[in-house]
């Protein structure tokens, strides 16, 4: 199961984490976000060298602003605490896995 984190956990879970961390910036009311959620669960089950976390933009407006999240879902790929890739909108499973593979 993908962990939901807030601004207090972001430093430890994302910025201080080693390796690849995929952050899904989402909102509960967002249709494409709801479509993406089960796909991210599948990706997490299949890819053991990356961690996926979710950040609710309505509850974490400071993080959304800091990382320039203007549309959701926004996926930010962090490698050793640095943003390496950003994608906006719904992404198919193959694209997400490819993004993770390229980042490692």
N, C-alpha and C. Protein backbone atom coordinates (compact mmCIF):
# COMPACT_ATOMS: atom_id res chain seq x y z
N UNK A 1 0.84 -1.19 0.00
CA UNK A 1 0.00 0.00 0.00
C UNK A 1 0.89 1.25 0.00
N UNK A 2 0.49 2.20 -0.78
CA UNK A 2 1.26 3.44 -0.92
C UNK A 2 1.01 4.33 0.29
N UNK A 3 2.09 4.89 0.81
CA UNK A 3 2.01 5.73 2.00
C UNK A 3 1.59 7.15 1.62
N UNK A 4 0.65 7.70 2.39
CA UNK A 4 0.25 9.09 2.24
C UNK A 4 1.09 9.89 3.24
N UNK A 5 1.76 10.93 2.74
CA UNK A 5 2.63 11.71 3.62
C UNK A 5 2.19 13.17 3.63
N UNK A 6 2.64 13.89 4.65
CA UNK A 6 2.35 15.32 4.75
C UNK A 6 3.66 16.10 4.77
N UNK A 7 3.54 17.41 4.93
CA UNK A 7 4.74 18.26 4.87
C UNK A 7 5.75 17.91 5.96
N UNK A 8 5.28 17.40 7.10
CA UNK A 8 6.19 17.05 8.19
C UNK A 8 7.01 15.80 7.88
N UNK A 9 6.47 14.91 7.05
CA UNK A 9 7.15 13.67 6.71
C UNK A 9 7.96 13.78 5.41
N UNK A 10 7.71 14.81 4.63
CA UNK A 10 8.30 14.95 3.31
C UNK A 10 9.83 14.94 3.35
N UNK A 11 10.40 15.65 4.30
CA UNK A 11 11.86 15.72 4.41
C UNK A 11 12.47 14.32 4.53
N UNK A 12 11.97 13.54 5.48
CA UNK A 12 12.53 12.22 5.72
C UNK A 12 12.16 11.22 4.62
N UNK A 13 10.90 11.21 4.20
CA UNK A 13 10.42 10.21 3.25
C UNK A 13 10.91 10.44 1.81
N UNK A 14 11.17 11.70 1.46
CA UNK A 14 11.51 12.02 0.07
C UNK A 14 12.91 12.63 -0.04
N UNK A 15 13.12 13.74 0.63
CA UNK A 15 14.37 14.48 0.43
C UNK A 15 15.59 13.77 1.01
N UNK A 16 15.42 13.02 2.09
CA UNK A 16 16.55 12.32 2.70
C UNK A 16 16.62 10.86 2.27
N UNK A 17 15.70 10.41 1.46
CA UNK A 17 15.67 9.01 1.03
C UNK A 17 16.73 8.77 -0.05
N UNK A 18 17.33 7.60 0.01
CA UNK A 18 18.28 7.21 -1.03
C UNK A 18 17.53 6.52 -2.15
N UNK A 19 17.96 6.75 -3.37
CA UNK A 19 17.33 6.09 -4.50
C UNK A 19 16.14 6.86 -5.04
N UNK A 20 15.27 6.13 -5.72
CA UNK A 20 14.15 6.72 -6.43
C UNK A 20 12.91 6.79 -5.54
N UNK A 21 12.32 7.99 -5.47
CA UNK A 21 11.04 8.18 -4.78
C UNK A 21 10.10 8.88 -5.75
N UNK A 22 8.95 8.26 -5.98
CA UNK A 22 7.93 8.82 -6.85
C UNK A 22 6.88 9.48 -5.96
N UNK A 23 6.64 10.77 -6.18
CA UNK A 23 5.66 11.50 -5.38
C UNK A 23 4.46 11.83 -6.27
N UNK A 24 3.29 11.35 -5.85
CA UNK A 24 2.05 11.63 -6.55
C UNK A 24 1.34 12.76 -5.82
N UNK A 25 1.32 13.94 -6.43
CA UNK A 25 0.57 15.07 -5.88
C UNK A 25 -0.85 14.95 -6.42
N UNK A 26 -1.84 14.81 -5.53
CA UNK A 26 -3.20 14.49 -5.94
C UNK A 26 -4.21 15.22 -5.04
N UNK A 27 -5.49 15.06 -5.37
CA UNK A 27 -6.58 15.52 -4.51
C UNK A 27 -7.69 14.47 -4.56
N UNK A 28 -8.43 14.36 -3.48
CA UNK A 28 -9.50 13.35 -3.40
C UNK A 28 -10.60 13.57 -4.44
N UNK A 29 -10.84 14.81 -4.84
CA UNK A 29 -11.93 15.14 -5.76
C UNK A 29 -11.52 15.01 -7.23
N UNK A 30 -10.28 14.71 -7.50
CA UNK A 30 -9.72 14.70 -8.86
C UNK A 30 -9.97 13.36 -9.56
N UNK A 31 -10.73 13.39 -10.66
CA UNK A 31 -11.03 12.17 -11.41
C UNK A 31 -9.80 11.45 -11.94
N UNK A 32 -8.91 12.15 -12.68
CA UNK A 32 -7.71 11.47 -13.17
C UNK A 32 -6.83 10.93 -12.04
N UNK A 33 -6.84 11.60 -10.88
CA UNK A 33 -6.07 11.12 -9.73
C UNK A 33 -6.62 9.78 -9.26
N UNK A 34 -7.95 9.66 -9.25
CA UNK A 34 -8.60 8.40 -8.85
C UNK A 34 -8.28 7.29 -9.83
N UNK A 35 -8.19 7.63 -11.12
CA UNK A 35 -7.84 6.63 -12.14
C UNK A 35 -6.39 6.18 -11.99
N UNK A 36 -5.52 7.10 -11.57
CA UNK A 36 -4.10 6.81 -11.44
C UNK A 36 -3.78 5.97 -10.20
N UNK A 37 -4.57 6.11 -9.15
CA UNK A 37 -4.27 5.46 -7.86
C UNK A 37 -4.05 3.95 -7.97
N UNK A 38 -4.96 3.18 -8.60
CA UNK A 38 -4.72 1.73 -8.67
C UNK A 38 -3.52 1.36 -9.54
N UNK A 39 -3.23 2.19 -10.52
CA UNK A 39 -2.06 1.94 -11.37
C UNK A 39 -0.78 2.13 -10.56
N UNK A 40 -0.74 3.16 -9.74
CA UNK A 40 0.43 3.37 -8.88
C UNK A 40 0.60 2.21 -7.90
N UNK A 41 -0.51 1.67 -7.40
CA UNK A 41 -0.43 0.50 -6.51
C UNK A 41 0.20 -0.68 -7.24
N UNK A 42 -0.19 -0.90 -8.48
CA UNK A 42 0.38 -1.99 -9.29
C UNK A 42 1.88 -1.76 -9.52
N UNK A 43 2.23 -0.54 -9.85
CA UNK A 43 3.64 -0.21 -10.09
C UNK A 43 4.45 -0.46 -8.82
N UNK A 44 3.93 -0.02 -7.67
CA UNK A 44 4.65 -0.22 -6.41
C UNK A 44 4.86 -1.71 -6.13
N UNK A 45 3.88 -2.54 -6.47
CA UNK A 45 3.99 -3.99 -6.25
C UNK A 45 5.02 -4.63 -7.18
N UNK A 46 5.20 -4.05 -8.36
CA UNK A 46 6.09 -4.64 -9.36
C UNK A 46 7.52 -4.10 -9.31
N UNK A 47 7.69 -2.87 -8.87
CA UNK A 47 9.00 -2.21 -8.89
C UNK A 47 9.50 -2.08 -7.46
N UNK A 48 10.48 -2.90 -7.10
CA UNK A 48 10.94 -2.90 -5.70
C UNK A 48 12.11 -1.97 -5.45
N UNK A 49 12.62 -1.31 -6.46
CA UNK A 49 13.76 -0.41 -6.27
C UNK A 49 13.34 1.06 -6.23
N UNK A 50 12.03 1.31 -6.10
CA UNK A 50 11.54 2.69 -5.99
C UNK A 50 10.41 2.72 -4.96
N UNK A 51 10.31 3.84 -4.28
CA UNK A 51 9.25 4.03 -3.31
C UNK A 51 8.26 5.04 -3.90
N UNK A 52 6.97 4.77 -3.70
CA UNK A 52 5.94 5.69 -4.16
C UNK A 52 5.20 6.23 -2.95
N UNK A 53 5.03 7.55 -2.90
CA UNK A 53 4.27 8.19 -1.83
C UNK A 53 3.27 9.15 -2.46
N UNK A 54 2.23 9.47 -1.69
CA UNK A 54 1.19 10.38 -2.17
C UNK A 54 1.12 11.60 -1.26
N UNK A 55 0.92 12.77 -1.88
CA UNK A 55 0.76 14.03 -1.14
C UNK A 55 -0.55 14.67 -1.59
N UNK A 56 -1.46 14.87 -0.65
CA UNK A 56 -2.74 15.52 -0.93
C UNK A 56 -2.49 17.03 -1.00
N UNK A 57 -2.73 17.61 -2.17
CA UNK A 57 -2.43 19.03 -2.36
C UNK A 57 -3.36 19.94 -1.56
N UNK A 58 -4.57 19.48 -1.29
CA UNK A 58 -5.50 20.29 -0.49
C UNK A 58 -5.05 20.40 0.96
N UNK A 59 -4.40 19.36 1.46
CA UNK A 59 -3.93 19.34 2.84
C UNK A 59 -2.49 19.81 2.99
N UNK A 60 -1.78 19.91 1.88
CA UNK A 60 -0.35 20.29 1.89
C UNK A 60 -0.08 21.34 0.84
N UNK A 61 -0.76 22.47 0.97
CA UNK A 61 -0.64 23.54 -0.03
C UNK A 61 0.77 24.10 -0.12
N UNK A 62 1.50 24.11 1.01
CA UNK A 62 2.88 24.62 0.98
C UNK A 62 3.77 23.76 0.10
N UNK A 63 3.63 22.44 0.21
CA UNK A 63 4.44 21.54 -0.63
C UNK A 63 4.06 21.70 -2.10
N UNK A 64 2.77 21.78 -2.37
CA UNK A 64 2.32 21.95 -3.75
C UNK A 64 2.90 23.23 -4.35
N UNK A 65 2.90 24.30 -3.58
CA UNK A 65 3.45 25.56 -4.07
C UNK A 65 4.97 25.47 -4.24
N UNK A 66 5.64 24.87 -3.29
CA UNK A 66 7.10 24.76 -3.34
C UNK A 66 7.56 24.01 -4.58
N UNK A 67 6.80 22.98 -4.97
CA UNK A 67 7.19 22.17 -6.11
C UNK A 67 6.39 22.51 -7.38
N UNK A 68 5.79 23.71 -7.38
CA UNK A 68 5.11 24.26 -8.56
C UNK A 68 4.05 23.32 -9.14
N UNK A 69 3.27 22.71 -8.27
CA UNK A 69 2.19 21.84 -8.72
C UNK A 69 0.99 22.72 -9.03
N UNK A 70 0.66 22.82 -10.33
CA UNK A 70 -0.44 23.68 -10.74
C UNK A 70 -1.60 22.88 -11.30
N UNK A 71 -1.36 21.67 -11.72
CA UNK A 71 -2.39 20.76 -12.21
C UNK A 71 -2.16 19.41 -11.55
N UNK A 72 -3.24 18.67 -11.36
CA UNK A 72 -3.10 17.35 -10.76
C UNK A 72 -3.79 16.32 -11.64
N UNK A 73 -3.34 15.09 -11.61
CA UNK A 73 -2.19 14.62 -10.84
C UNK A 73 -0.87 15.10 -11.43
N UNK A 74 0.06 15.39 -10.55
CA UNK A 74 1.43 15.68 -10.94
C UNK A 74 2.32 14.64 -10.27
N UNK A 75 3.15 13.99 -11.07
CA UNK A 75 4.10 13.01 -10.57
C UNK A 75 5.48 13.65 -10.61
N UNK A 76 6.15 13.65 -9.47
CA UNK A 76 7.53 14.13 -9.42
C UNK A 76 8.41 12.96 -9.01
N UNK A 77 9.45 12.75 -9.79
CA UNK A 77 10.40 11.68 -9.53
C UNK A 77 11.63 12.29 -8.88
N UNK A 78 11.92 11.84 -7.66
CA UNK A 78 13.10 12.30 -6.94
C UNK A 78 14.14 11.19 -6.95
N UNK A 79 15.39 11.56 -7.14
CA UNK A 79 16.50 10.61 -7.03
C UNK A 79 17.47 11.21 -6.03
N UNK A 80 17.67 10.50 -4.94
CA UNK A 80 18.55 10.97 -3.85
C UNK A 80 18.19 12.40 -3.42
N UNK A 81 16.89 12.66 -3.32
CA UNK A 81 16.41 13.94 -2.80
C UNK A 81 16.28 15.07 -3.80
N UNK A 82 16.60 14.83 -5.08
CA UNK A 82 16.52 15.87 -6.09
C UNK A 82 15.48 15.50 -7.15
N UNK A 83 14.69 16.49 -7.57
CA UNK A 83 13.70 16.24 -8.62
C UNK A 83 14.43 15.97 -9.93
N UNK A 84 14.11 14.84 -10.54
CA UNK A 84 14.74 14.47 -11.81
C UNK A 84 13.75 14.48 -12.97
N UNK A 85 12.46 14.32 -12.64
CA UNK A 85 11.47 14.25 -13.71
C UNK A 85 10.11 14.66 -13.16
N UNK A 86 9.32 15.32 -14.00
CA UNK A 86 7.96 15.71 -13.65
C UNK A 86 7.04 15.35 -14.79
N UNK A 87 5.89 14.78 -14.46
CA UNK A 87 4.86 14.55 -15.47
C UNK A 87 3.53 15.01 -14.89
N UNK A 88 2.72 15.59 -15.75
CA UNK A 88 1.43 16.13 -15.33
C UNK A 88 0.32 15.40 -16.08
N UNK A 89 -0.71 15.02 -15.35
CA UNK A 89 -1.85 14.32 -15.94
C UNK A 89 -1.72 12.81 -15.77
N UNK A 90 -2.76 12.13 -16.20
CA UNK A 90 -2.80 10.67 -16.10
C UNK A 90 -1.68 10.05 -16.91
N UNK A 91 -1.02 9.05 -16.34
CA UNK A 91 0.05 8.33 -17.02
C UNK A 91 -0.28 6.84 -17.03
N UNK A 92 -0.10 6.16 -18.16
CA UNK A 92 -0.30 4.71 -18.16
C UNK A 92 0.82 4.01 -17.39
N UNK A 93 0.54 2.80 -16.99
CA UNK A 93 1.48 2.01 -16.19
C UNK A 93 2.84 1.88 -16.88
N UNK A 94 2.83 1.63 -18.18
CA UNK A 94 4.10 1.44 -18.90
C UNK A 94 4.95 2.70 -18.85
N UNK A 95 4.31 3.87 -18.94
CA UNK A 95 5.05 5.14 -18.90
C UNK A 95 5.65 5.35 -17.51
N UNK A 96 4.89 5.02 -16.47
CA UNK A 96 5.40 5.18 -15.11
C UNK A 96 6.60 4.27 -14.84
N UNK A 97 6.49 3.02 -15.26
CA UNK A 97 7.59 2.08 -15.06
C UNK A 97 8.82 2.52 -15.85
N UNK A 98 8.61 2.99 -17.07
CA UNK A 98 9.72 3.47 -17.89
C UNK A 98 10.40 4.66 -17.24
N UNK A 99 9.61 5.57 -16.67
CA UNK A 99 10.15 6.74 -15.98
C UNK A 99 11.03 6.32 -14.80
N UNK A 100 10.56 5.34 -14.06
CA UNK A 100 11.31 4.85 -12.89
C UNK A 100 12.60 4.17 -13.33
N UNK A 101 12.51 3.36 -14.37
CA UNK A 101 13.69 2.65 -14.87
C UNK A 101 14.76 3.63 -15.36
N UNK A 102 14.35 4.69 -16.00
CA UNK A 102 15.30 5.67 -16.51
C UNK A 102 15.95 6.47 -15.37
N UNK A 103 15.24 6.61 -14.27
CA UNK A 103 15.73 7.42 -13.16
C UNK A 103 16.75 6.69 -12.28
N UNK A 104 16.68 5.38 -12.24
CA UNK A 104 17.53 4.66 -11.28
C UNK A 104 19.00 4.66 -11.65
